[in-house]
């Protein structure tokens, strides 16, 4: 009985760990023409860049004091659920509920 409990606990830990890992590495695919449209938008609209002390990378979590901006409709439905920041000449797409970076557009 004790061995079954230990094995069950280990299985739950493995599953929980894999969910955390997959949540940390979530990325989205953005077509090259959509990337161009997004970059043209930030230039045309003169989006003010922000400075973030933390290293921005896919999977990183942005601090609560970083203001996330809603994604414009013109960027397309595939990214409409995200928010973004513009920093260091990069558009950084962020999952708003977790504040995790899901894509960085150069």
PDB file of N, CA and C in Angstrom:
ATOM      1  N   UNK A   1       0.824  -1.197   0.000  1.00  0.00           N
ATOM      2  CA  UNK A   1       0.000   0.000   0.000  1.00  0.00           C
ATOM      3  C   UNK A   1       0.865   1.256   0.000  1.00  0.00           C
ATOM      4  N   UNK A   2       1.897   1.234   0.846  1.00  0.00           N
ATOM      5  CA  UNK A   2       2.777   2.388   0.942  1.00  0.00           C
ATOM      6  C   UNK A   2       3.502   2.634  -0.387  1.00  0.00           C
ATOM      7  N   UNK A   3       3.927   1.552  -1.055  1.00  0.00           N
ATOM      8  CA  UNK A   3       4.622   1.683  -2.334  1.00  0.00           C
ATOM      9  C   UNK A   3       3.700   2.289  -3.394  1.00  0.00           C
ATOM     10  N   UNK A   4       2.414   1.926  -3.362  1.00  0.00           N
ATOM     11  CA  UNK A   4       1.456   2.488  -4.322  1.00  0.00           C
ATOM     12  C   UNK A   4       1.281   3.978  -4.080  1.00  0.00           C
ATOM     13  N   UNK A   5       1.251   4.373  -2.821  1.00  0.00           N
ATOM     14  CA  UNK A   5       1.105   5.786  -2.475  1.00  0.00           C
ATOM     15  C   UNK A   5       2.318   6.572  -2.949  1.00  0.00           C
ATOM     16  N   UNK A   6       3.501   6.034  -2.745  1.00  0.00           N
ATOM     17  CA  UNK A   6       4.732   6.702  -3.184  1.00  0.00           C
ATOM     18  C   UNK A   6       4.760   6.790  -4.706  1.00  0.00           C
ATOM     19  N   UNK A   7       4.415   5.709  -5.384  1.00  0.00           N
ATOM     20  CA  UNK A   7       4.399   5.708  -6.845  1.00  0.00           C
ATOM     21  C   UNK A   7       3.377   6.704  -7.381  1.00  0.00           C
ATOM     22  N   UNK A   8       2.216   6.762  -6.748  1.00  0.00           N
ATOM     23  CA  UNK A   8       1.179   7.712  -7.170  1.00  0.00           C
ATOM     24  C   UNK A   8       1.619   9.148  -6.974  1.00  0.00           C
ATOM     25  N   UNK A   9       2.265   9.414  -5.851  1.00  0.00           N
ATOM     26  CA  UNK A   9       2.772  10.757  -5.568  1.00  0.00           C
ATOM     27  C   UNK A   9       3.836  11.146  -6.586  1.00  0.00           C
ATOM     28  N   UNK A  10       4.714  10.221  -6.920  1.00  0.00           N
ATOM     29  CA  UNK A  10       5.767  10.485  -7.905  1.00  0.00           C
ATOM     30  C   UNK A  10       5.163  10.775  -9.277  1.00  0.00           C
ATOM     31  N   UNK A  11       4.144  10.028  -9.650  1.00  0.00           N
ATOM     32  CA  UNK A  11       3.494  10.243 -10.949  1.00  0.00           C
ATOM     33  C   UNK A  11       2.845  11.619 -11.017  1.00  0.00           C
ATOM     34  N   UNK A  12       2.199  12.025  -9.944  1.00  0.00           N
ATOM     35  CA  UNK A  12       1.577  13.351  -9.905  1.00  0.00           C
ATOM     36  C   UNK A  12       2.650  14.425 -10.018  1.00  0.00           C
ATOM     37  N   UNK A  13       3.761  14.260  -9.336  1.00  0.00           N
ATOM     38  CA  UNK A  13       4.851  15.237  -9.384  1.00  0.00           C
ATOM     39  C   UNK A  13       5.409  15.355 -10.797  1.00  0.00           C
ATOM     40  N   UNK A  14       5.572  14.216 -11.476  1.00  0.00           N
ATOM     41  CA  UNK A  14       6.077  14.233 -12.845  1.00  0.00           C
ATOM     42  C   UNK A  14       5.100  14.959 -13.758  1.00  0.00           C
ATOM     43  N   UNK A  15       3.816  14.650 -13.641  1.00  0.00           N
ATOM     44  CA  UNK A  15       2.814  15.319 -14.469  1.00  0.00           C
ATOM     45  C   UNK A  15       2.762  16.810 -14.183  1.00  0.00           C
ATOM     46  N   UNK A  16       2.797  17.195 -12.939  1.00  0.00           N
ATOM     47  CA  UNK A  16       2.772  18.612 -12.582  1.00  0.00           C
ATOM     48  C   UNK A  16       4.007  19.310 -13.125  1.00  0.00           C
ATOM     49  N   UNK A  17       5.138  18.658 -13.024  1.00  0.00           N
ATOM     50  CA  UNK A  17       6.370  19.245 -13.549  1.00  0.00           C
ATOM     51  C   UNK A  17       6.329  19.425 -15.049  1.00  0.00           C
ATOM     52  N   UNK A  18       5.746  18.478 -15.771  1.00  0.00           N
ATOM     53  CA  UNK A  18       5.667  18.606 -17.225  1.00  0.00           C
ATOM     54  C   UNK A  18       4.716  19.716 -17.626  1.00  0.00           C
ATOM     55  N   UNK A  19       3.640  19.919 -16.837  1.00  0.00           N
ATOM     56  CA  UNK A  19       2.735  21.023 -17.138  1.00  0.00           C
ATOM     57  C   UNK A  19       3.423  22.361 -16.929  1.00  0.00           C
ATOM     58  N   UNK A  20       4.203  22.479 -15.873  1.00  0.00           N
ATOM     59  CA  UNK A  20       4.932  23.718 -15.620  1.00  0.00           C
ATOM     60  C   UNK A  20       5.933  23.959 -16.730  1.00  0.00           C
ATOM     61  N   UNK A  21       6.653  22.921 -17.115  1.00  0.00           N
ATOM     62  CA  UNK A  21       7.637  23.052 -18.176  1.00  0.00           C
ATOM     63  C   UNK A  21       6.983  23.482 -19.470  1.00  0.00           C
ATOM     64  N   UNK A  22       5.864  22.855 -19.847  1.00  0.00           N
ATOM     65  CA  UNK A  22       5.217  23.225 -21.095  1.00  0.00           C
ATOM     66  C   UNK A  22       4.654  24.632 -21.025  1.00  0.00           C
ATOM     67  N   UNK A  23       4.195  25.070 -19.870  1.00  0.00           N
ATOM     68  CA  UNK A  23       3.696  26.434 -19.735  1.00  0.00           C
ATOM     69  C   UNK A  23       4.832  27.429 -19.878  1.00  0.00           C
ATOM     70  N   UNK A  24       6.015  27.071 -19.426  1.00  0.00           N
ATOM     71  CA  UNK A  24       7.144  27.979 -19.505  1.00  0.00           C
ATOM     72  C   UNK A  24       7.681  28.096 -20.921  1.00  0.00           C
ATOM     73  N   UNK A  25       7.492  27.102 -21.748  1.00  0.00           N
ATOM     74  CA  UNK A  25       8.074  27.117 -23.075  1.00  0.00           C
ATOM     75  C   UNK A  25       7.045  27.370 -24.171  1.00  0.00           C
ATOM     76  N   UNK A  26       5.856  27.818 -23.804  1.00  0.00           N
ATOM     77  CA  UNK A  26       4.820  28.081 -24.790  1.00  0.00           C
ATOM     78  C   UNK A  26       5.250  29.207 -25.715  1.00  0.00           C
ATOM     79  N   UNK A  27       5.184  28.962 -27.008  1.00  0.00           N
ATOM     80  CA  UNK A  27       5.438  30.004 -27.990  1.00  0.00           C
ATOM     81  C   UNK A  27       4.324  29.943 -29.020  1.00  0.00           C
ATOM     82  N   UNK A  28       4.234  30.990 -29.811  1.00  0.00           N
ATOM     83  CA  UNK A  28       3.243  31.014 -30.879  1.00  0.00           C
ATOM     84  C   UNK A  28       3.959  31.239 -32.203  1.00  0.00           C
ATOM     85  N   UNK A  29       3.370  30.728 -33.247  1.00  0.00           N
ATOM     86  CA  UNK A  29       3.941  30.905 -34.581  1.00  0.00           C
ATOM     87  C   UNK A  29       3.342  32.153 -35.218  1.00  0.00           C
ATOM     88  N   UNK A  30       4.196  32.990 -35.774  1.00  0.00           N
ATOM     89  CA  UNK A  30       3.749  34.203 -36.449  1.00  0.00           C
ATOM     90  C   UNK A  30       4.391  34.219 -37.829  1.00  0.00           C
ATOM     91  N   UNK A  31       3.554  34.315 -38.851  1.00  0.00           N
ATOM     92  CA  UNK A  31       4.026  34.307 -40.235  1.00  0.00           C
ATOM     93  C   UNK A  31       4.900  35.538 -40.504  1.00  0.00           C
ATOM     94  N   UNK A  32       5.848  35.424 -41.423  1.00  0.00           N
ATOM     95  CA  UNK A  32       6.738  36.551 -41.729  1.00  0.00           C
ATOM     96  C   UNK A  32       5.990  37.842 -42.115  1.00  0.00           C
ATOM     97  N   UNK A  33       4.912  37.712 -42.887  1.00  0.00           N
ATOM     98  CA  UNK A  33       4.173  38.922 -43.290  1.00  0.00           C
ATOM     99  C   UNK A  33       3.461  39.569 -42.099  1.00  0.00           C
ATOM    100  N   UNK A  34       3.052  38.747 -41.143  1.00  0.00           N
ATOM    101  CA  UNK A  34       2.428  39.281 -39.933  1.00  0.00           C
ATOM    102  C   UNK A  34       3.479  39.984 -39.062  1.00  0.00           C
ATOM    103  N   UNK A  35       4.679  39.423 -38.998  1.00  0.00           N
ATOM    104  CA  UNK A  35       5.776  40.060 -38.270  1.00  0.00           C
ATOM    105  C   UNK A  35       6.074  41.439 -38.868  1.00  0.00           C
ATOM    106  N   UNK A  36       6.097  41.496 -40.177  1.00  0.00           N
ATOM    107  CA  UNK A  36       6.345  42.774 -40.865  1.00  0.00           C
ATOM    108  C   UNK A  36       5.264  43.779 -40.530  1.00  0.00           C
ATOM    109  N   UNK A  37       4.006  43.358 -40.544  1.00  0.00           N
ATOM    110  CA  UNK A  37       2.884  44.244 -40.220  1.00  0.00           C
ATOM    111  C   UNK A  37       3.001  44.778 -38.792  1.00  0.00           C
ATOM    112  N   UNK A  38       3.399  43.931 -37.875  1.00  0.00           N
ATOM    113  CA  UNK A  38       3.552  44.331 -36.479  1.00  0.00           C
ATOM    114  C   UNK A  38       4.683  45.346 -36.327  1.00  0.00           C
ATOM    115  N   UNK A  39       5.829  45.077 -36.950  1.00  0.00           N
ATOM    116  CA  UNK A  39       6.960  46.001 -36.862  1.00  0.00           C
ATOM    117  C   UNK A  39       6.629  47.342 -37.529  1.00  0.00           C
ATOM    118  N   UNK A  40       5.929  47.290 -38.661  1.00  0.00           N
ATOM    119  CA  UNK A  40       5.528  48.540 -39.329  1.00  0.00           C
ATOM    120  C   UNK A  40       4.602  49.358 -38.431  1.00  0.00           C
ATOM    121  N   UNK A  41       3.745  48.695 -37.690  1.00  0.00           N
ATOM    122  CA  UNK A  41       2.825  49.383 -36.792  1.00  0.00           C
ATOM    123  C   UNK A  41       3.585  50.162 -35.721  1.00  0.00           C
ATOM    124  N   UNK A  42       4.535  49.518 -35.057  1.00  0.00           N
ATOM    125  CA  UNK A  42       5.238  50.207 -33.972  1.00  0.00           C
ATOM    126  C   UNK A  42       6.056  51.389 -34.485  1.00  0.00           C
ATOM    127  N   UNK A  43       6.547  51.297 -35.718  1.00  0.00           N
ATOM    128  CA  UNK A  43       7.279  52.419 -36.318  1.00  0.00           C
ATOM    129  C   UNK A  43       6.311  53.529 -36.712  1.00  0.00           C
ATOM    130  N   UNK A  44       5.243  53.181 -37.431  1.00  0.00           N
ATOM    131  CA  UNK A  44       4.266  54.165 -37.910  1.00  0.00           C
ATOM    132  C   UNK A  44       3.588  54.894 -36.753  1.00  0.00           C
ATOM    133  N   UNK A  45       3.219  54.158 -35.712  1.00  0.00           N
ATOM    134  CA  UNK A  45       2.513  54.749 -34.572  1.00  0.00           C
ATOM    135  C   UNK A  45       3.467  55.340 -33.531  1.00  0.00           C
ATOM    136  N   UNK A  46       4.760  55.213 -33.803  1.00  0.00           N
ATOM    137  CA  UNK A  46       5.789  55.744 -32.889  1.00  0.00           C
ATOM    138  C   UNK A  46       5.547  55.267 -31.453  1.00  0.00           C
ATOM    139  N   UNK A  47       5.395  53.952 -31.332  1.00  0.00           N
ATOM    140  CA  UNK A  47       5.184  53.347 -30.015  1.00  0.00           C
ATOM    141  C   UNK A  47       6.421  53.614 -29.164  1.00  0.00           C
ATOM    142  N   UNK A  48       6.182  54.175 -28.003  1.00  0.00           N
ATOM    143  CA  UNK A  48       7.279  54.524 -27.105  1.00  0.00           C
ATOM    144  C   UNK A  48       7.863  53.258 -26.479  1.00  0.00           C
ATOM    145  N   UNK A  49       9.165  53.053 -26.663  1.00  0.00           N
ATOM    146  CA  UNK A  49       9.776  51.863 -26.059  1.00  0.00           C
ATOM    147  C   UNK A  49       9.904  52.026 -24.547  1.00  0.00           C
ATOM    148  N   UNK A  50       9.917  50.902 -23.876  1.00  0.00           N
ATOM    149  CA  UNK A  50      10.117  50.893 -22.433  1.00  0.00           C
ATOM    150  C   UNK A  50      11.462  50.237 -22.127  1.00  0.00           C
ATOM    151  N   UNK A  51      11.942  50.488 -20.935  1.00  0.00           N
ATOM    152  CA  UNK A  51      13.167  49.841 -20.480  1.00  0.00           C
ATOM    153  C   UNK A  51      12.781  48.849 -19.389  1.00  0.00           C
ATOM    154  N   UNK A  52      13.225  47.629 -19.573  1.00  0.00           N
ATOM    155  CA  UNK A  52      12.946  46.574 -18.607  1.00  0.00           C
ATOM    156  C   UNK A  52      14.287  46.090 -18.058  1.00  0.00           C
ATOM    157  N   UNK A  53      14.403  46.048 -16.741  1.00  0.00           N
ATOM    158  CA  UNK A  53      15.658  45.606 -16.120  1.00  0.00           C
ATOM    159  C   UNK A  53      15.898  44.119 -16.342  1.00  0.00           C
ATOM    160  N   UNK A  54      14.838  43.337 -16.355  1.00  0.00           N
ATOM    161  CA  UNK A  54      14.958  41.900 -16.523  1.00  0.00           C
ATOM    162  C   UNK A  54      15.284  41.566 -17.977  1.00  0.00           C
ATOM    163  N   UNK A  55      15.912  40.424 -18.169  1.00  0.00           N
ATOM    164  CA  UNK A  55      16.203  39.946 -19.518  1.00  0.00           C
ATOM    165  C   UNK A  55      14.903  39.443 -20.132  1.00  0.00           C
ATOM    166  N   UNK A  56      14.587  39.938 -21.323  1.00  0.00           N
ATOM    167  CA  UNK A  56      13.370  39.503 -21.998  1.00  0.00           C
ATOM    168  C   UNK A  56      13.679  38.285 -22.854  1.00  0.00           C
ATOM    169  N   UNK A  57      12.998  37.196 -22.547  1.00  0.00           N
ATOM    170  CA  UNK A  57      13.161  35.945 -23.278  1.00  0.00           C
ATOM    171  C   UNK A  57      11.841  35.202 -23.227  1.00  0.00           C
ATOM    172  N   UNK A  58      11.604  34.365 -24.214  1.00  0.00           N
ATOM    173  CA  UNK A  58      10.390  33.552 -24.210  1.00  0.00           C
ATOM    174  C   UNK A  58      10.385  32.696 -22.946  1.00  0.00           C
ATOM    175  N   UNK A  59       9.267  32.748 -22.230  1.00  0.00           N
ATOM    176  CA  UNK A  59       9.129  32.009 -20.977  1.00  0.00           C
ATOM    177  C   UNK A  59       9.374  32.864 -19.749  1.00  0.00           C
ATOM    178  N   UNK A  60      10.032  34.018 -19.924  1.00  0.00           N
ATOM    179  CA  UNK A  60      10.279  34.909 -18.789  1.00  0.00           C
ATOM    180  C   UNK A  60       8.962  35.544 -18.347  1.00  0.00           C
ATOM    181  N   UNK A  61       8.880  35.912 -17.081  1.00  0.00           N
ATOM    182  CA  UNK A  61       7.697  36.565 -16.537  1.00  0.00           C
ATOM    183  C   UNK A  61       8.011  38.035 -16.314  1.00  0.00           C
ATOM    184  N   UNK A  62       7.159  38.905 -16.865  1.00  0.00           N
ATOM    185  CA  UNK A  62       7.359  40.338 -16.686  1.00  0.00           C
ATOM    186  C   UNK A  62       6.843  40.764 -15.317  1.00  0.00           C
ATOM    187  N   UNK A  63       7.540  41.692 -14.678  1.00  0.00           N
ATOM    188  CA  UNK A  63       7.091  42.183 -13.371  1.00  0.00           C
ATOM    189  C   UNK A  63       5.759  42.920 -13.470  1.00  0.00           C
ATOM    190  N   UNK A  64       5.074  43.006 -12.356  1.00  0.00           N
ATOM    191  CA  UNK A  64       3.751  43.633 -12.308  1.00  0.00           C
ATOM    192  C   UNK A  64       3.791  45.113 -12.654  1.00  0.00           C
ATOM    193  N   UNK A  65       4.927  45.767 -12.476  1.00  0.00           N
ATOM    194  CA  UNK A  65       4.995  47.205 -12.760  1.00  0.00           C
ATOM    195  C   UNK A  65       5.198  47.534 -14.241  1.00  0.00           C
ATOM    196  N   UNK A  66       5.375  46.518 -15.085  1.00  0.00           N
ATOM    197  CA  UNK A  66       5.502  46.735 -16.524  1.00  0.00           C
ATOM    198  C   UNK A  66       4.100  46.781 -17.116  1.00  0.00           C
ATOM    199  N   UNK A  67       3.772  47.898 -17.757  1.00  0.00           N
ATOM    200  CA  UNK A  67       2.437  48.056 -18.335  1.00  0.00           C
ATOM    201  C   UNK A  67       2.332  47.292 -19.650  1.00  0.00           C
ATOM    202  N   UNK A  68       1.347  46.400 -19.727  1.00  0.00           N
ATOM    203  CA  UNK A  68       1.092  45.625 -20.934  1.00  0.00           C
ATOM    204  C   UNK A  68       0.059  46.367 -21.780  1.00  0.00           C
ATOM    205  N   UNK A  69       0.324  46.473 -23.080  1.00  0.00           N
ATOM    206  CA  UNK A  69      -0.540  47.213 -23.995  1.00  0.00           C
ATOM    207  C   UNK A  69      -1.383  46.223 -24.797  1.00  0.00           C
ATOM    208  N   UNK A  70      -2.688  46.497 -24.976  1.00  0.00           N
ATOM    209  CA  UNK A  70      -3.515  45.606 -25.807  1.00  0.00           C
ATOM    210  C   UNK A  70      -3.000  45.554 -27.246  1.00  0.00           C
ATOM    211  N   UNK A  71      -3.089  44.392 -27.842  1.00  0.00           N
ATOM    212  CA  UNK A  71      -2.671  44.199 -29.231  1.00  0.00           C
ATOM    213  C   UNK A  71      -3.723  44.819 -30.159  1.00  0.00           C
ATOM    214  N   UNK A  72      -3.308  45.636 -31.129  1.00  0.00           N
ATOM    215  CA  UNK A  72      -4.263  46.214 -32.086  1.00  0.00           C
ATOM    216  C   UNK A  72      -4.925  45.130 -32.945  1.00  0.00           C
ATOM    217  N   UNK A  73      -6.159  45.363 -33.348  1.00  0.00           N
ATOM    218  CA  UNK A  73      -6.884  44.404 -34.192  1.00  0.00           C
ATOM    219  C   UNK A  73      -6.155  44.124 -35.498  1.00  0.00           C
ATOM    220  N   UNK A  74      -5.439  45.112 -36.018  1.00  0.00           N
ATOM    221  CA  UNK A  74      -4.754  44.963 -37.304  1.00  0.00           C
ATOM    222  C   UNK A  74      -3.638  43.919 -37.268  1.00  0.00           C
ATOM    223  N   UNK A  75      -3.235  43.503 -36.082  1.00  0.00           N
ATOM    224  CA  UNK A  75      -2.197  42.482 -35.976  1.00  0.00           C
ATOM    225  C   UNK A  75      -2.735  41.086 -36.240  1.00  0.00           C
ATOM    226  N   UNK A  76      -4.055  40.947 -36.249  1.00  0.00           N
ATOM    227  CA  UNK A  76      -4.665  39.666 -36.590  1.00  0.00           C
ATOM    228  C   UNK A  76      -5.204  38.903 -35.401  1.00  0.00           C
ATOM    229  N   UNK A  77      -6.149  37.999 -35.673  1.00  0.00           N
ATOM    230  CA  UNK A  77      -6.822  37.251 -34.599  1.00  0.00           C
ATOM    231  C   UNK A  77      -5.908  36.268 -33.861  1.00  0.00           C
ATOM    232  N   UNK A  78      -4.846  35.818 -34.495  1.00  0.00           N
ATOM    233  CA  UNK A  78      -3.986  34.827 -33.839  1.00  0.00           C
ATOM    234  C   UNK A  78      -3.223  35.401 -32.640  1.00  0.00           C
ATOM    235  N   UNK A  79      -3.120  36.727 -32.561  1.00  0.00           N
ATOM    236  CA  UNK A  79      -2.407  37.348 -31.444  1.00  0.00           C
ATOM    237  C   UNK A  79      -3.297  38.251 -30.596  1.00  0.00           C
ATOM    238  N   UNK A  80      -4.586  38.294 -30.910  1.00  0.00           N
ATOM    239  CA  UNK A  80      -5.491  39.233 -30.244  1.00  0.00           C
ATOM    240  C   UNK A  80      -5.647  38.979 -28.741  1.00  0.00           C
ATOM    241  N   UNK A  81      -5.406  37.781 -28.285  1.00  0.00           N
ATOM    242  CA  UNK A  81      -5.569  37.473 -26.857  1.00  0.00           C
ATOM    243  C   UNK A  81      -4.374  37.911 -26.013  1.00  0.00           C
ATOM    244  N   UNK A  82      -3.294  38.321 -26.669  1.00  0.00           N
ATOM    245  CA  UNK A  82      -2.080  38.705 -25.965  1.00  0.00           C
ATOM    246  C   UNK A  82      -2.008  40.213 -25.740  1.00  0.00           C
ATOM    247  N   UNK A  83      -1.049  40.623 -24.943  1.00  0.00           N
ATOM    248  CA  UNK A  83      -0.689  42.021 -24.757  1.00  0.00           C
ATOM    249  C   UNK A  83       0.758  42.134 -25.218  1.00  0.00           C
ATOM    250  N   UNK A  84       1.244  43.370 -25.312  1.00  0.00           N
ATOM    251  CA  UNK A  84       2.624  43.512 -25.755  1.00  0.00           C
ATOM    252  C   UNK A  84       3.324  44.659 -25.052  1.00  0.00           C
ATOM    253  N   UNK A  85       4.643  44.632 -25.141  1.00  0.00           N
ATOM    254  CA  UNK A  85       5.498  45.749 -24.776  1.00  0.00           C
ATOM    255  C   UNK A  85       6.488  45.916 -25.914  1.00  0.00           C
ATOM    256  N   UNK A  86       6.979  47.131 -26.060  1.00  0.00           N
ATOM    257  CA  UNK A  86       7.988  47.418 -27.077  1.00  0.00           C
ATOM    258  C   UNK A  86       9.243  47.819 -26.326  1.00  0.00           C
ATOM    259  N   UNK A  87      10.293  47.047 -26.484  1.00  0.00           N
ATOM    260  CA  UNK A  87      11.519  47.283 -25.733  1.00  0.00           C
ATOM    261  C   UNK A  87      12.725  46.876 -26.561  1.00  0.00           C
ATOM    262  N   UNK A  88      13.725  47.760 -26.571  1.00  0.00           N
ATOM    263  CA  UNK A  88      14.987  47.450 -27.247  1.00  0.00           C
ATOM    264  C   UNK A  88      14.772  47.023 -28.700  1.00  0.00           C
ATOM    265  N   UNK A  89      13.887  47.739 -29.382  1.00  0.00           N
ATOM    266  CA  UNK A  89      13.568  47.496 -30.797  1.00  0.00           C
ATOM    267  C   UNK A  89      12.939  46.118 -31.041  1.00  0.00           C
ATOM    268  N   UNK A  90      12.293  45.559 -30.023  1.00  0.00           N
ATOM    269  CA  UNK A  90      11.604  44.276 -30.134  1.00  0.00           C
ATOM    270  C   UNK A  90      10.166  44.428 -29.645  1.00  0.00           C
ATOM    271  N   UNK A  91       9.260  43.780 -30.346  1.00  0.00           N
ATOM    272  CA  UNK A  91       7.882  43.683 -29.875  1.00  0.00           C
ATOM    273  C   UNK A  91       7.798  42.369 -29.100  1.00  0.00           C
ATOM    274  N   UNK A  92       7.395  42.467 -27.849  1.00  0.00           N
ATOM    275  CA  UNK A  92       7.358  41.306 -26.960  1.00  0.00           C
ATOM    276  C   UNK A  92       5.901  40.982 -26.664  1.00  0.00           C
ATOM    277  N   UNK A  93       5.434  39.841 -27.158  1.00  0.00           N
ATOM    278  CA  UNK A  93       4.058  39.404 -26.898  1.00  0.00           C
ATOM    279  C   UNK A  93       4.004  38.655 -25.576  1.00  0.00           C
ATOM    280  N   UNK A  94       2.970  38.986 -24.784  1.00  0.00           N
ATOM    281  CA  UNK A  94       2.880  38.482 -23.417  1.00  0.00           C
ATOM    282  C   UNK A  94       1.492  37.908 -23.162  1.00  0.00           C
ATOM    283  N   UNK A  95       1.433  36.761 -22.504  1.00  0.00           N
ATOM    284  CA  UNK A  95       0.172  36.185 -22.043  1.00  0.00           C
ATOM    285  C   UNK A  95      -0.252  37.017 -20.832  1.00  0.00           C
ATOM    286  N   UNK A  96      -1.375  37.738 -20.918  1.00  0.00           N
ATOM    287  CA  UNK A  96      -1.710  38.692 -19.844  1.00  0.00           C
ATOM    288  C   UNK A  96      -1.985  38.072 -18.477  1.00  0.00           C
ATOM    289  N   UNK A  97      -2.562  36.892 -18.418  1.00  0.00           N
ATOM    290  CA  UNK A  97      -2.904  36.324 -17.114  1.00  0.00           C
ATOM    291  C   UNK A  97      -1.669  35.886 -16.323  1.00  0.00           C
ATOM    292  N   UNK A  98      -0.672  35.357 -17.022  1.00  0.00           N
ATOM    293  CA  UNK A  98       0.540  34.892 -16.351  1.00  0.00           C
ATOM    294  C   UNK A  98       1.692  35.877 -16.479  1.00  0.00           C
ATOM    295  N   UNK A  99       1.567  36.833 -17.414  1.00  0.00           N
ATOM    296  CA  UNK A  99       2.596  37.824 -17.723  1.00  0.00           C
ATOM    297  C   UNK A  99       3.856  37.166 -18.300  1.00  0.00           C
ATOM    298  N   UNK A 100       3.690  35.973 -18.864  1.00  0.00           N
ATOM    299  CA  UNK A 100       4.818  35.267 -19.489  1.00  0.00           C
ATOM    300  C   UNK A 100       4.987  35.692 -20.940  1.00  0.00           C
ATOM    301  N   UNK A 101       6.241  35.858 -21.331  1.00  0.00           N
ATOM    302  CA  UNK A 101       6.583  36.197 -22.708  1.00  0.00           C
ATOM    303  C   UNK A 101       6.350  34.961 -23.573  1.00  0.00           C
ATOM    304  N   UNK A 102       5.573  35.125 -24.670  1.00  0.00           N
ATOM    305  CA  UNK A 102       5.299  33.993 -25.554  1.00  0.00           C
ATOM    306  C   UNK A 102       5.979  34.139 -26.914  1.00  0.00           C
ATOM    307  N   UNK A 103       6.399  35.362 -27.252  1.00  0.00           N
ATOM    308  CA  UNK A 103       7.058  35.568 -28.544  1.00  0.00           C
ATOM    309  C   UNK A 103       7.774  36.902 -28.525  1.00  0.00           C
ATOM    310  N   UNK A 104       8.941  36.946 -29.149  1.00  0.00           N
ATOM    311  CA  UNK A 104       9.685  38.190 -29.320  1.00  0.00           C
ATOM    312  C   UNK A 104       9.871  38.391 -30.812  1.00  0.00           C
ATOM    313  N   UNK A 105       9.419  39.543 -31.288  1.00  0.00           N
ATOM    314  CA  UNK A 105       9.509  39.835 -32.713  1.00  0.00           C
ATOM    315  C   UNK A 105      10.620  40.860 -32.932  1.00  0.00           C
ATOM    316  N   UNK A 106      11.610  40.447 -33.710  1.00  0.00           N
ATOM    317  CA  UNK A 106      12.754  41.323 -33.998  1.00  0.00           C
ATOM    318  C   UNK A 106      12.397  42.387 -35.003  1.00  0.00           C
TER     319      UNK A 106
END
